[in-house]
């Protein structure tokens, strides 16, 4: 973990952010005192949930699921909704 002062961060913000995005954890200091930490965002949200047993992996692919069937004619359902709305 490296340290960067506020002045250096202001002067080299792009470079420091690039380093953090690459995985380096950077502590920002103000007059030698740590005030913030800069690190990359973990985009593995689902993987993290799976690892913490807060989600389950899919049983099958979404494309393997059957297409939904519509029991009623859309026009008649829409007509019925409009009729109910009027009265």
PDB file of N, CA and C in Angstrom:
ATOM      1  N   UNK A   1       0.856  -1.170   0.000  1.00  0.00           N
ATOM      2  CA  UNK A   1       0.000   0.000   0.000  1.00  0.00           C
ATOM      3  C   UNK A   1       0.902   1.232   0.000  1.00  0.00           C
ATOM      4  N   UNK A   2       0.624   2.152  -0.922  1.00  0.00           N
ATOM      5  CA  UNK A   2       1.450   3.355  -1.010  1.00  0.00           C
ATOM      6  C   UNK A   2       0.680   4.562  -0.486  1.00  0.00           C
ATOM      7  N   UNK A   3       1.418   5.619  -0.209  1.00  0.00           N
ATOM      8  CA  UNK A   3       0.822   6.852   0.299  1.00  0.00           C
ATOM      9  C   UNK A   3       1.024   7.975  -0.705  1.00  0.00           C
ATOM     10  N   UNK A   4       0.024   8.846  -0.790  1.00  0.00           N
ATOM     11  CA  UNK A   4       0.079  10.003  -1.672  1.00  0.00           C
ATOM     12  C   UNK A   4      -0.459  11.192  -0.893  1.00  0.00           C
ATOM     13  N   UNK A   5       0.278  12.280  -0.892  1.00  0.00           N
ATOM     14  CA  UNK A   5      -0.198  13.497  -0.255  1.00  0.00           C
ATOM     15  C   UNK A   5      -1.258  14.182  -1.099  1.00  0.00           C
ATOM     16  N   UNK A   6      -2.036  15.045  -0.456  1.00  0.00           N
ATOM     17  CA  UNK A   6      -3.107  15.743  -1.166  1.00  0.00           C
ATOM     18  C   UNK A   6      -2.554  16.571  -2.323  1.00  0.00           C
ATOM     19  N   UNK A   7      -1.455  17.258  -2.108  1.00  0.00           N
ATOM     20  CA  UNK A   7      -0.870  18.082  -3.171  1.00  0.00           C
ATOM     21  C   UNK A   7      -0.494  17.217  -4.374  1.00  0.00           C
ATOM     22  N   UNK A   8       0.154  16.085  -4.103  1.00  0.00           N
ATOM     23  CA  UNK A   8       0.539  15.187  -5.202  1.00  0.00           C
ATOM     24  C   UNK A   8      -0.692  14.623  -5.900  1.00  0.00           C
ATOM     25  N   UNK A   9      -1.737  14.318  -5.122  1.00  0.00           N
ATOM     26  CA  UNK A   9      -2.977  13.807  -5.702  1.00  0.00           C
ATOM     27  C   UNK A   9      -3.589  14.845  -6.638  1.00  0.00           C
ATOM     28  N   UNK A  10      -3.593  16.110  -6.220  1.00  0.00           N
ATOM     29  CA  UNK A  10      -4.125  17.175  -7.076  1.00  0.00           C
ATOM     30  C   UNK A  10      -3.331  17.292  -8.376  1.00  0.00           C
ATOM     31  N   UNK A  11      -2.019  17.194  -8.275  1.00  0.00           N
ATOM     32  CA  UNK A  11      -1.159  17.375  -9.445  1.00  0.00           C
ATOM     33  C   UNK A  11      -1.163  16.166 -10.374  1.00  0.00           C
ATOM     34  N   UNK A  12      -1.367  14.982  -9.823  1.00  0.00           N
ATOM     35  CA  UNK A  12      -1.273  13.744 -10.614  1.00  0.00           C
ATOM     36  C   UNK A  12      -2.516  12.868 -10.447  1.00  0.00           C
ATOM     37  N   UNK A  13      -3.686  13.479 -10.413  1.00  0.00           N
ATOM     38  CA  UNK A  13      -4.918  12.729 -10.141  1.00  0.00           C
ATOM     39  C   UNK A  13      -5.125  11.576 -11.120  1.00  0.00           C
ATOM     40  N   UNK A  14      -4.948  11.821 -12.402  1.00  0.00           N
ATOM     41  CA  UNK A  14      -5.171  10.766 -13.404  1.00  0.00           C
ATOM     42  C   UNK A  14      -4.254   9.578 -13.171  1.00  0.00           C
ATOM     43  N   UNK A  15      -3.011   9.851 -12.903  1.00  0.00           N
ATOM     44  CA  UNK A  15      -2.034   8.789 -12.675  1.00  0.00           C
ATOM     45  C   UNK A  15      -2.363   7.989 -11.417  1.00  0.00           C
ATOM     46  N   UNK A  16      -2.736   8.695 -10.353  1.00  0.00           N
ATOM     47  CA  UNK A  16      -3.051   8.021  -9.087  1.00  0.00           C
ATOM     48  C   UNK A  16      -4.307   7.166  -9.242  1.00  0.00           C
ATOM     49  N   UNK A  17      -5.321   7.703  -9.906  1.00  0.00           N
ATOM     50  CA  UNK A  17      -6.557   6.937 -10.116  1.00  0.00           C
ATOM     51  C   UNK A  17      -6.283   5.722 -10.995  1.00  0.00           C
ATOM     52  N   UNK A  18      -5.453   5.865 -12.001  1.00  0.00           N
ATOM     53  CA  UNK A  18      -5.086   4.736 -12.860  1.00  0.00           C
ATOM     54  C   UNK A  18      -4.421   3.634 -12.040  1.00  0.00           C
ATOM     55  N   UNK A  19      -3.529   4.023 -11.131  1.00  0.00           N
ATOM     56  CA  UNK A  19      -2.859   3.034 -10.277  1.00  0.00           C
ATOM     57  C   UNK A  19      -3.866   2.324  -9.383  1.00  0.00           C
ATOM     58  N   UNK A  20      -4.809   3.082  -8.829  1.00  0.00           N
ATOM     59  CA  UNK A  20      -5.828   2.477  -7.967  1.00  0.00           C
ATOM     60  C   UNK A  20      -6.713   1.529  -8.769  1.00  0.00           C
ATOM     61  N   UNK A  21      -7.086   1.932  -9.968  1.00  0.00           N
ATOM     62  CA  UNK A  21      -7.922   1.082 -10.817  1.00  0.00           C
ATOM     63  C   UNK A  21      -7.214  -0.210 -11.184  1.00  0.00           C
ATOM     64  N   UNK A  22      -5.890  -0.166 -11.237  1.00  0.00           N
ATOM     65  CA  UNK A  22      -5.098  -1.359 -11.552  1.00  0.00           C
ATOM     66  C   UNK A  22      -4.973  -2.298 -10.359  1.00  0.00           C
ATOM     67  N   UNK A  23      -5.495  -1.888  -9.200  1.00  0.00           N
ATOM     68  CA  UNK A  23      -5.487  -2.771  -8.042  1.00  0.00           C
ATOM     69  C   UNK A  23      -4.646  -2.299  -6.877  1.00  0.00           C
ATOM     70  N   UNK A  24      -3.913  -1.228  -7.055  1.00  0.00           N
ATOM     71  CA  UNK A  24      -3.079  -0.714  -5.962  1.00  0.00           C
ATOM     72  C   UNK A  24      -3.961   0.028  -4.954  1.00  0.00           C
ATOM     73  N   UNK A  25      -3.733  -0.209  -3.680  1.00  0.00           N
ATOM     74  CA  UNK A  25      -4.462   0.500  -2.634  1.00  0.00           C
ATOM     75  C   UNK A  25      -3.611   1.685  -2.192  1.00  0.00           C
ATOM     76  N   UNK A  26      -4.169   2.880  -2.287  1.00  0.00           N
ATOM     77  CA  UNK A  26      -3.409   4.102  -2.038  1.00  0.00           C
ATOM     78  C   UNK A  26      -4.034   4.862  -0.875  1.00  0.00           C
ATOM     79  N   UNK A  27      -3.208   5.227   0.099  1.00  0.00           N
ATOM     80  CA  UNK A  27      -3.657   6.034   1.224  1.00  0.00           C
ATOM     81  C   UNK A  27      -3.349   7.493   0.924  1.00  0.00           C
ATOM     82  N   UNK A  28      -4.368   8.339   1.045  1.00  0.00           N
ATOM     83  CA  UNK A  28      -4.193   9.773   0.831  1.00  0.00           C
ATOM     84  C   UNK A  28      -3.909  10.405   2.188  1.00  0.00           C
ATOM     85  N   UNK A  29      -2.855  11.224   2.242  1.00  0.00           N
ATOM     86  CA  UNK A  29      -2.467  11.847   3.508  1.00  0.00           C
ATOM     87  C   UNK A  29      -2.579  13.363   3.417  1.00  0.00           C
ATOM     88  N   UNK A  30      -2.857  13.968   4.568  1.00  0.00           N
ATOM     89  CA  UNK A  30      -2.877  15.423   4.709  1.00  0.00           C
ATOM     90  C   UNK A  30      -1.864  15.780   5.781  1.00  0.00           C
ATOM     91  N   UNK A  31      -0.760  16.362   5.365  1.00  0.00           N
ATOM     92  CA  UNK A  31       0.354  16.692   6.257  1.00  0.00           C
ATOM     93  C   UNK A  31       0.866  15.451   6.995  1.00  0.00           C
ATOM     94  N   UNK A  32       0.946  14.345   6.263  1.00  0.00           N
ATOM     95  CA  UNK A  32       1.472  13.108   6.817  1.00  0.00           C
ATOM     96  C   UNK A  32       0.468  12.262   7.576  1.00  0.00           C
ATOM     97  N   UNK A  33      -0.760  12.767   7.744  1.00  0.00           N
ATOM     98  CA  UNK A  33      -1.801  12.032   8.477  1.00  0.00           C
ATOM     99  C   UNK A  33      -2.765  11.389   7.477  1.00  0.00           C
ATOM    100  N   UNK A  34      -2.984  10.068   7.571  1.00  0.00           N
ATOM    101  CA  UNK A  34      -3.905   9.395   6.641  1.00  0.00           C
ATOM    102  C   UNK A  34      -5.325   9.947   6.788  1.00  0.00           C
ATOM    103  N   UNK A  35      -5.937  10.305   5.657  1.00  0.00           N
ATOM    104  CA  UNK A  35      -7.299  10.843   5.687  1.00  0.00           C
ATOM    105  C   UNK A  35      -8.269  10.081   4.777  1.00  0.00           C
ATOM    106  N   UNK A  36      -7.752   9.344   3.807  1.00  0.00           N
ATOM    107  CA  UNK A  36      -8.628   8.605   2.892  1.00  0.00           C
ATOM    108  C   UNK A  36      -7.862   7.454   2.267  1.00  0.00           C
ATOM    109  N   UNK A  37      -8.620   6.512   1.721  1.00  0.00           N
ATOM    110  CA  UNK A  37      -8.008   5.381   1.030  1.00  0.00           C
ATOM    111  C   UNK A  37      -8.652   5.273  -0.346  1.00  0.00           C
ATOM    112  N   UNK A  38      -7.839   5.102  -1.348  1.00  0.00           N
ATOM    113  CA  UNK A  38      -8.293   4.994  -2.726  1.00  0.00           C
ATOM    114  C   UNK A  38      -8.009   3.583  -3.216  1.00  0.00           C
ATOM    115  N   UNK A  39      -9.054   2.903  -3.687  1.00  0.00           N
ATOM    116  CA  UNK A  39      -8.876   1.541  -4.192  1.00  0.00           C
ATOM    117  C   UNK A  39      -9.873   1.288  -5.317  1.00  0.00           C
ATOM    118  N   UNK A  40      -9.658   0.229  -6.054  1.00  0.00           N
ATOM    119  CA  UNK A  40     -10.522  -0.116  -7.182  1.00  0.00           C
ATOM    120  C   UNK A  40     -11.872  -0.608  -6.682  1.00  0.00           C
ATOM    121  N   UNK A  41     -12.884  -0.397  -7.494  1.00  0.00           N
ATOM    122  CA  UNK A  41     -14.221  -0.899  -7.196  1.00  0.00           C
ATOM    123  C   UNK A  41     -14.283  -2.355  -7.626  1.00  0.00           C
ATOM    124  N   UNK A  42     -14.848  -3.196  -6.767  1.00  0.00           N
ATOM    125  CA  UNK A  42     -14.997  -4.612  -7.096  1.00  0.00           C
ATOM    126  C   UNK A  42     -16.261  -4.777  -7.927  1.00  0.00           C
ATOM    127  N   UNK A  43     -16.100  -5.095  -9.195  1.00  0.00           N
ATOM    128  CA  UNK A  43     -17.244  -5.268 -10.080  1.00  0.00           C
ATOM    129  C   UNK A  43     -17.794  -6.691 -10.040  1.00  0.00           C
ATOM    130  N   UNK A  44     -17.259  -7.537  -9.195  1.00  0.00           N
ATOM    131  CA  UNK A  44     -17.711  -8.914  -9.108  1.00  0.00           C
ATOM    132  C   UNK A  44     -18.823  -9.079  -8.091  1.00  0.00           C
ATOM    133  N   UNK A  45     -19.870  -8.287  -8.192  1.00  0.00           N
ATOM    134  CA  UNK A  45     -20.960  -8.301  -7.227  1.00  0.00           C
ATOM    135  C   UNK A  45     -21.598  -9.671  -7.059  1.00  0.00           C
ATOM    136  N   UNK A  46     -21.939 -10.304  -8.155  1.00  0.00           N
ATOM    137  CA  UNK A  46     -22.587 -11.612  -8.083  1.00  0.00           C
ATOM    138  C   UNK A  46     -21.617 -12.645  -7.525  1.00  0.00           C
ATOM    139  N   UNK A  47     -20.367 -12.580  -7.981  1.00  0.00           N
ATOM    140  CA  UNK A  47     -19.377 -13.526  -7.461  1.00  0.00           C
ATOM    141  C   UNK A  47     -19.193 -13.352  -5.957  1.00  0.00           C
ATOM    142  N   UNK A  48     -19.209 -12.123  -5.490  1.00  0.00           N
ATOM    143  CA  UNK A  48     -19.079 -11.864  -4.058  1.00  0.00           C
ATOM    144  C   UNK A  48     -20.265 -12.407  -3.280  1.00  0.00           C
ATOM    145  N   UNK A  49     -21.468 -12.238  -3.825  1.00  0.00           N
ATOM    146  CA  UNK A  49     -22.665 -12.771  -3.172  1.00  0.00           C
ATOM    147  C   UNK A  49     -22.636 -14.295  -3.132  1.00  0.00           C
ATOM    148  N   UNK A  50     -22.188 -14.908  -4.208  1.00  0.00           N
ATOM    149  CA  UNK A  50     -22.080 -16.367  -4.234  1.00  0.00           C
ATOM    150  C   UNK A  50     -21.062 -16.851  -3.208  1.00  0.00           C
ATOM    151  N   UNK A  51     -19.932 -16.164  -3.110  1.00  0.00           N
ATOM    152  CA  UNK A  51     -18.884 -16.555  -2.162  1.00  0.00           C
ATOM    153  C   UNK A  51     -19.352 -16.406  -0.722  1.00  0.00           C
ATOM    154  N   UNK A  52     -20.215 -15.428  -0.465  1.00  0.00           N
ATOM    155  CA  UNK A  52     -20.715 -15.190   0.890  1.00  0.00           C
ATOM    156  C   UNK A  52     -21.989 -15.984   1.173  1.00  0.00           C
ATOM    157  N   UNK A  53     -22.370 -16.878   0.277  1.00  0.00           N
ATOM    158  CA  UNK A  53     -23.598 -17.680   0.415  1.00  0.00           C
ATOM    159  C   UNK A  53     -24.844 -16.814   0.570  1.00  0.00           C
ATOM    160  N   UNK A  54     -24.858 -15.662  -0.098  1.00  0.00           N
ATOM    161  CA  UNK A  54     -26.027 -14.794  -0.062  1.00  0.00           C
ATOM    162  C   UNK A  54     -26.840 -14.916  -1.345  1.00  0.00           C
ATOM    163  N   UNK A  55     -26.348 -15.735  -2.283  1.00  0.00           N
ATOM    164  CA  UNK A  55     -27.046 -16.010  -3.535  1.00  0.00           C
ATOM    165  C   UNK A  55     -26.690 -17.420  -3.975  1.00  0.00           C
ATOM    166  N   UNK A  56     -27.550 -17.986  -4.807  1.00  0.00           N
ATOM    167  CA  UNK A  56     -27.288 -19.326  -5.331  1.00  0.00           C
ATOM    168  C   UNK A  56     -26.991 -19.244  -6.817  1.00  0.00           C
ATOM    169  N   UNK A  57     -26.128 -20.124  -7.298  1.00  0.00           N
ATOM    170  CA  UNK A  57     -25.849 -20.117  -8.742  1.00  0.00           C
ATOM    171  C   UNK A  57     -27.084 -20.584  -9.514  1.00  0.00           C
ATOM    172  N   UNK A  58     -27.208 -20.196 -10.769  1.00  0.00           N
ATOM    173  CA  UNK A  58     -28.378 -20.603 -11.549  1.00  0.00           C
ATOM    174  C   UNK A  58     -28.398 -22.110 -11.778  1.00  0.00           C
ATOM    175  N   UNK A  59     -29.596 -22.649 -11.832  1.00  0.00           N
ATOM    176  CA  UNK A  59     -29.776 -24.081 -12.073  1.00  0.00           C
ATOM    177  C   UNK A  59     -29.568 -24.396 -13.553  1.00  0.00           C
ATOM    178  N   UNK A  60     -30.053 -23.477 -14.411  1.00  0.00           N
ATOM    179  CA  UNK A  60     -29.887 -23.646 -15.855  1.00  0.00           C
ATOM    180  C   UNK A  60     -29.791 -22.266 -16.503  1.00  0.00           C
ATOM    181  N   UNK A  61     -29.419 -22.262 -17.747  1.00  0.00           N
ATOM    182  CA  UNK A  61     -29.269 -21.000 -18.470  1.00  0.00           C
ATOM    183  C   UNK A  61     -30.629 -20.369 -18.727  1.00  0.00           C
ATOM    184  N   UNK A  62     -30.662 -19.063 -18.756  1.00  0.00           N
ATOM    185  CA  UNK A  62     -31.899 -18.341 -19.012  1.00  0.00           C
ATOM    186  C   UNK A  62     -32.494 -18.736 -20.358  1.00  0.00           C
ATOM    187  N   UNK A  63     -31.651 -19.006 -21.328  1.00  0.00           N
ATOM    188  CA  UNK A  63     -32.137 -19.389 -22.657  1.00  0.00           C
ATOM    189  C   UNK A  63     -32.797 -20.769 -22.661  1.00  0.00           C
ATOM    190  N   UNK A  64     -32.558 -21.575 -21.628  1.00  0.00           N
ATOM    191  CA  UNK A  64     -33.174 -22.901 -21.541  1.00  0.00           C
ATOM    192  C   UNK A  64     -34.595 -22.850 -20.988  1.00  0.00           C
ATOM    193  N   UNK A  65     -34.989 -21.733 -20.404  1.00  0.00           N
ATOM    194  CA  UNK A  65     -36.333 -21.620 -19.844  1.00  0.00           C
ATOM    195  C   UNK A  65     -37.358 -21.530 -20.967  1.00  0.00           C
ATOM    196  N   UNK A  66     -38.549 -22.106 -20.753  1.00  0.00           N
ATOM    197  CA  UNK A  66     -39.571 -22.033 -21.797  1.00  0.00           C
ATOM    198  C   UNK A  66     -40.104 -20.605 -21.931  1.00  0.00           C
ATOM    199  N   UNK A  67     -40.547 -20.268 -23.129  1.00  0.00           N
ATOM    200  CA  UNK A  67     -41.131 -18.946 -23.361  1.00  0.00           C
ATOM    201  C   UNK A  67     -42.460 -18.852 -22.621  1.00  0.00           C
ATOM    202  N   UNK A  68     -42.780 -17.699 -22.052  1.00  0.00           N
ATOM    203  CA  UNK A  68     -44.048 -17.565 -21.341  1.00  0.00           C
ATOM    204  C   UNK A  68     -45.222 -17.663 -22.314  1.00  0.00           C
ATOM    205  N   UNK A  69     -46.308 -18.233 -21.835  1.00  0.00           N
ATOM    206  CA  UNK A  69     -47.506 -18.349 -22.661  1.00  0.00           C
ATOM    207  C   UNK A  69     -48.535 -17.341 -22.171  1.00  0.00           C
ATOM    208  N   UNK A  70     -49.270 -16.784 -23.104  1.00  0.00           N
ATOM    209  CA  UNK A  70     -50.305 -15.811 -22.767  1.00  0.00           C
ATOM    210  C   UNK A  70     -51.639 -16.527 -22.867  1.00  0.00           C
ATOM    211  N   UNK A  71     -52.385 -16.531 -21.764  1.00  0.00           N
ATOM    212  CA  UNK A  71     -53.637 -17.270 -21.708  1.00  0.00           C
ATOM    213  C   UNK A  71     -54.774 -16.533 -22.406  1.00  0.00           C
ATOM    214  N   UNK A  72     -54.715 -15.213 -22.470  1.00  0.00           N
ATOM    215  CA  UNK A  72     -55.812 -14.450 -23.052  1.00  0.00           C
ATOM    216  C   UNK A  72     -55.308 -13.618 -24.222  1.00  0.00           C
ATOM    217  N   UNK A  73     -56.254 -13.225 -25.052  1.00  0.00           N
ATOM    218  CA  UNK A  73     -55.950 -12.347 -26.170  1.00  0.00           C
ATOM    219  C   UNK A  73     -55.680 -10.944 -25.625  1.00  0.00           C
ATOM    220  N   UNK A  74     -54.598 -10.338 -26.031  1.00  0.00           N
ATOM    221  CA  UNK A  74     -54.198  -9.032 -25.515  1.00  0.00           C
ATOM    222  C   UNK A  74     -55.254  -7.976 -25.814  1.00  0.00           C
ATOM    223  N   UNK A  75     -55.840  -8.018 -26.979  1.00  0.00           N
ATOM    224  CA  UNK A  75     -56.858  -7.025 -27.353  1.00  0.00           C
ATOM    225  C   UNK A  75     -58.061  -7.094 -26.431  1.00  0.00           C
ATOM    226  N   UNK A  76     -58.514  -8.304 -26.125  1.00  0.00           N
ATOM    227  CA  UNK A  76     -59.685  -8.433 -25.255  1.00  0.00           C
ATOM    228  C   UNK A  76     -59.368  -7.999 -23.828  1.00  0.00           C
ATOM    229  N   UNK A  77     -58.181  -8.279 -23.356  1.00  0.00           N
ATOM    230  CA  UNK A  77     -57.788  -7.839 -22.012  1.00  0.00           C
ATOM    231  C   UNK A  77     -57.729  -6.321 -21.961  1.00  0.00           C
ATOM    232  N   UNK A  78     -57.157  -5.698 -22.972  1.00  0.00           N
ATOM    233  CA  UNK A  78     -57.070  -4.243 -23.032  1.00  0.00           C
ATOM    234  C   UNK A  78     -58.465  -3.626 -23.097  1.00  0.00           C
ATOM    235  N   UNK A  79     -59.349  -4.194 -23.904  1.00  0.00           N
ATOM    236  CA  UNK A  79     -60.729  -3.709 -24.005  1.00  0.00           C
ATOM    237  C   UNK A  79     -61.419  -3.801 -22.649  1.00  0.00           C
ATOM    238  N   UNK A  80     -61.238  -4.920 -21.954  1.00  0.00           N
ATOM    239  CA  UNK A  80     -61.848  -5.108 -20.637  1.00  0.00           C
ATOM    240  C   UNK A  80     -61.303  -4.079 -19.637  1.00  0.00           C
ATOM    241  N   UNK A  81     -60.007  -3.823 -19.657  1.00  0.00           N
ATOM    242  CA  UNK A  81     -59.419  -2.839 -18.742  1.00  0.00           C
ATOM    243  C   UNK A  81     -59.973  -1.444 -19.016  1.00  0.00           C
ATOM    244  N   UNK A  82     -60.126  -1.099 -20.294  1.00  0.00           N
ATOM    245  CA  UNK A  82     -60.678   0.212 -20.640  1.00  0.00           C
ATOM    246  C   UNK A  82     -62.131   0.329 -20.208  1.00  0.00           C
ATOM    247  N   UNK A  83     -62.909  -0.750 -20.383  1.00  0.00           N
ATOM    248  CA  UNK A  83     -64.310  -0.731 -19.958  1.00  0.00           C
ATOM    249  C   UNK A  83     -64.420  -0.549 -18.451  1.00  0.00           C
ATOM    250  N   UNK A  84     -63.579  -1.239 -17.694  1.00  0.00           N
ATOM    251  CA  UNK A  84     -63.608  -1.117 -16.232  1.00  0.00           C
ATOM    252  C   UNK A  84     -63.181   0.274 -15.785  1.00  0.00           C
ATOM    253  N   UNK A  85     -62.299   0.876 -16.537  1.00  0.00           N
ATOM    254  CA  UNK A  85     -61.790   2.203 -16.191  1.00  0.00           C
ATOM    255  C   UNK A  85     -62.857   3.277 -16.402  1.00  0.00           C
ATOM    256  N   UNK A  86     -63.714   3.064 -17.374  1.00  0.00           N
ATOM    257  CA  UNK A  86     -64.736   4.067 -17.708  1.00  0.00           C
ATOM    258  C   UNK A  86     -65.878   4.084 -16.704  1.00  0.00           C
ATOM    259  N   UNK A  87     -66.170   2.978 -16.057  1.00  0.00           N
ATOM    260  CA  UNK A  87     -67.352   2.914 -15.190  1.00  0.00           C
ATOM    261  C   UNK A  87     -66.991   2.816 -13.757  1.00  0.00           C
TER     262      UNK A  87
END
